[in-house]
Amino acid sequence: MTEHIWSYKSTTGHLAGTDLTGYKVEATDGSIGKVDKHSDEVDDAYLVVDTGPWIFGKEVLLPAGTVFRIDVDERTIFVDGTKEQIKDAPEFHRDTHLDDPAYRHELGAYYMLGGGPFGNRLV
């Protein structure tokens, strides 16, 4: 059964109410930045990641379903995809996209292409 892309999987170690701000975010092939904002809302959970110099200081929005593990002791979140897959996601602008249902649908479709986060396109 495929879990909803905007919800944390039960296997991630996520505890509702945990402040993830400042946690490092790791793709399968390296660091992508730090959590700047996050939501624990049911069926609307996400991370806003400040990518720093990696992609020229842009932010990316990652649905909670892309997270496969959270290490609270190391303050690190591991996501199920490569840096390139995250970089190629629909461009995110916090001022216009954070509450935009059409953008959320487009982003959700990108990450679910093929039936799972990143369409199970892991390298």
Protein backbone atom coordinates (compact mmCIF):
# COMPACT_ATOMS: atom_id res chain seq x y z
CA MET A 1 0.00 0.00 0.00
CA THR A 2 1.37 3.39 -0.97
CA GLU A 3 1.20 5.92 1.85
CA HIS A 4 0.07 9.47 1.16
CA ILE A 5 2.93 11.67 -0.12
CA TRP A 6 1.96 14.49 2.29
CA SER A 7 2.25 12.25 5.39
CA TYR A 8 5.26 10.79 7.19
CA LYS A 9 5.61 7.03 6.83
CA SER A 10 5.25 5.18 10.13
CA THR A 11 8.78 3.79 9.70
CA THR A 12 10.63 7.15 9.64
CA GLY A 13 10.91 7.62 13.38
CA HIS A 14 9.03 10.92 13.16
CA LEU A 15 7.30 12.00 16.34
CA ALA A 16 4.51 14.54 15.91
CA GLY A 17 5.37 17.81 17.59
CA THR A 18 9.14 17.42 17.18
CA ASP A 19 10.69 20.67 16.00
CA LEU A 20 12.71 19.75 12.91
CA THR A 21 13.90 23.30 12.22
CA GLY A 22 17.65 23.32 11.71
CA TYR A 23 17.94 19.59 11.03
CA LYS A 24 20.35 18.65 8.24
CA VAL A 25 18.74 17.03 5.19
CA GLU A 26 20.56 14.26 3.33
CA ALA A 27 19.66 12.92 -0.10
CA THR A 28 20.89 9.47 -1.09
CA ASP A 29 24.03 11.09 -2.55
CA GLY A 30 24.81 13.89 -0.11
CA SER A 31 23.65 16.91 1.83
CA ILE A 32 21.01 19.20 0.37
CA GLY A 33 20.67 21.74 3.19
CA LYS A 34 18.81 22.40 6.43
CA VAL A 35 15.15 22.53 7.40
CA ASP A 36 13.95 26.13 7.52
CA LYS A 37 10.25 25.36 8.13
CA HIS A 38 8.14 22.26 8.51
CA SER A 39 4.57 21.15 9.03
CA ASP A 40 3.18 18.16 10.93
CA GLU A 41 -0.38 18.69 9.72
CA VAL A 42 -2.21 15.47 8.93
CA ASP A 43 -2.15 14.87 5.15
CA ASP A 44 -0.26 18.16 4.73
CA ALA A 45 3.16 17.49 6.28
CA TYR A 46 6.24 18.87 4.54
CA LEU A 47 9.75 20.27 4.92
CA VAL A 48 10.98 23.56 3.49
CA VAL A 49 14.71 23.09 2.98
CA ASP A 50 17.16 25.96 2.57
CA THR A 51 19.67 24.55 0.09
CA GLY A 52 22.34 27.16 0.82
CA PRO A 53 25.00 27.28 -1.90
CA TRP A 54 24.07 23.84 -3.27
CA ILE A 55 21.49 25.26 -5.72
CA PHE A 56 22.27 28.94 -5.30
CA GLY A 57 20.46 29.55 -2.04
CA LYS A 58 17.05 28.36 -3.20
CA GLU A 59 14.50 26.61 -1.06
CA VAL A 60 12.82 23.33 -1.90
CA LEU A 61 9.56 21.93 -0.60
CA LEU A 62 9.70 18.22 0.22
CA PRO A 63 6.50 16.33 1.00
CA ALA A 64 6.81 14.28 4.21
CA GLY A 65 6.42 11.09 2.19
CA THR A 66 9.91 11.60 0.75
CA VAL A 67 11.44 11.16 4.23
CA PHE A 68 12.63 7.63 4.96
CA ARG A 69 14.45 8.18 8.27
CA ILE A 70 14.91 10.81 10.95
CA ASP A 71 17.92 10.60 13.26
CA VAL A 72 16.99 12.77 16.24
CA ASP A 73 20.37 12.32 17.96
CA GLU A 74 22.27 13.52 14.86
CA ARG A 75 19.55 16.04 13.96
CA THR A 76 19.50 14.66 10.40
CA ILE A 77 16.65 13.80 8.03
CA PHE A 78 17.27 11.31 5.23
CA VAL A 79 15.14 11.59 2.09
CA ASP A 80 14.50 8.96 -0.54
CA GLY A 81 16.01 10.53 -3.65
CA THR A 82 19.12 12.00 -5.20
CA LYS A 83 20.22 15.61 -5.22
CA GLU A 84 19.49 15.74 -8.96
CA GLN A 85 15.91 14.46 -8.46
CA ILE A 86 15.29 17.12 -5.81
CA LYS A 87 16.90 19.84 -7.93
CA ASP A 88 14.67 18.85 -10.89
CA ALA A 89 11.42 19.15 -8.87
CA PRO A 90 9.00 21.95 -9.78
CA GLU A 91 10.58 25.21 -8.63
CA PHE A 92 9.40 26.41 -5.21
CA HIS A 93 8.71 30.02 -4.20
CA ARG A 94 7.59 30.28 -0.57
CA ASP A 95 5.52 33.45 -1.09
CA THR A 96 3.32 31.90 -3.80
CA HIS A 97 3.56 28.12 -3.52
CA LEU A 98 3.35 27.25 0.18
CA ASP A 99 -0.45 27.36 0.25
CA ASP A 100 -1.13 26.84 -3.47
CA PRO A 101 -3.21 23.67 -4.08
CA ALA A 102 -2.24 23.53 -7.78
CA TYR A 103 1.48 23.63 -6.93
CA ARG A 104 0.97 20.98 -4.22
CA HIS A 105 -0.77 18.75 -6.78
CA GLU A 106 2.06 19.25 -9.31
CA LEU A 107 4.73 18.59 -6.68
CA GLY A 108 2.90 15.56 -5.32
CA ALA A 109 2.60 14.13 -8.84
CA TYR A 110 6.34 14.67 -9.42
CA TYR A 111 7.31 12.80 -6.27
CA MET A 112 4.75 10.02 -6.78
CA LEU A 113 5.53 9.38 -10.47
CA GLY A 114 5.79 5.62 -10.76
CA GLY A 115 3.93 4.82 -7.54
CA GLY A 116 6.26 6.00 -4.78
CA PRO A 117 8.40 8.89 -3.63
CA PHE A 118 10.54 9.89 -6.59
CA GLY A 119 8.73 7.16 -8.54
CA ASN A 120 11.07 4.60 -7.01
CA ARG A 121 13.69 6.06 -9.35
CA LEU A 122 16.54 5.59 -6.93
CA VAL A 123 19.92 5.21 -8.58
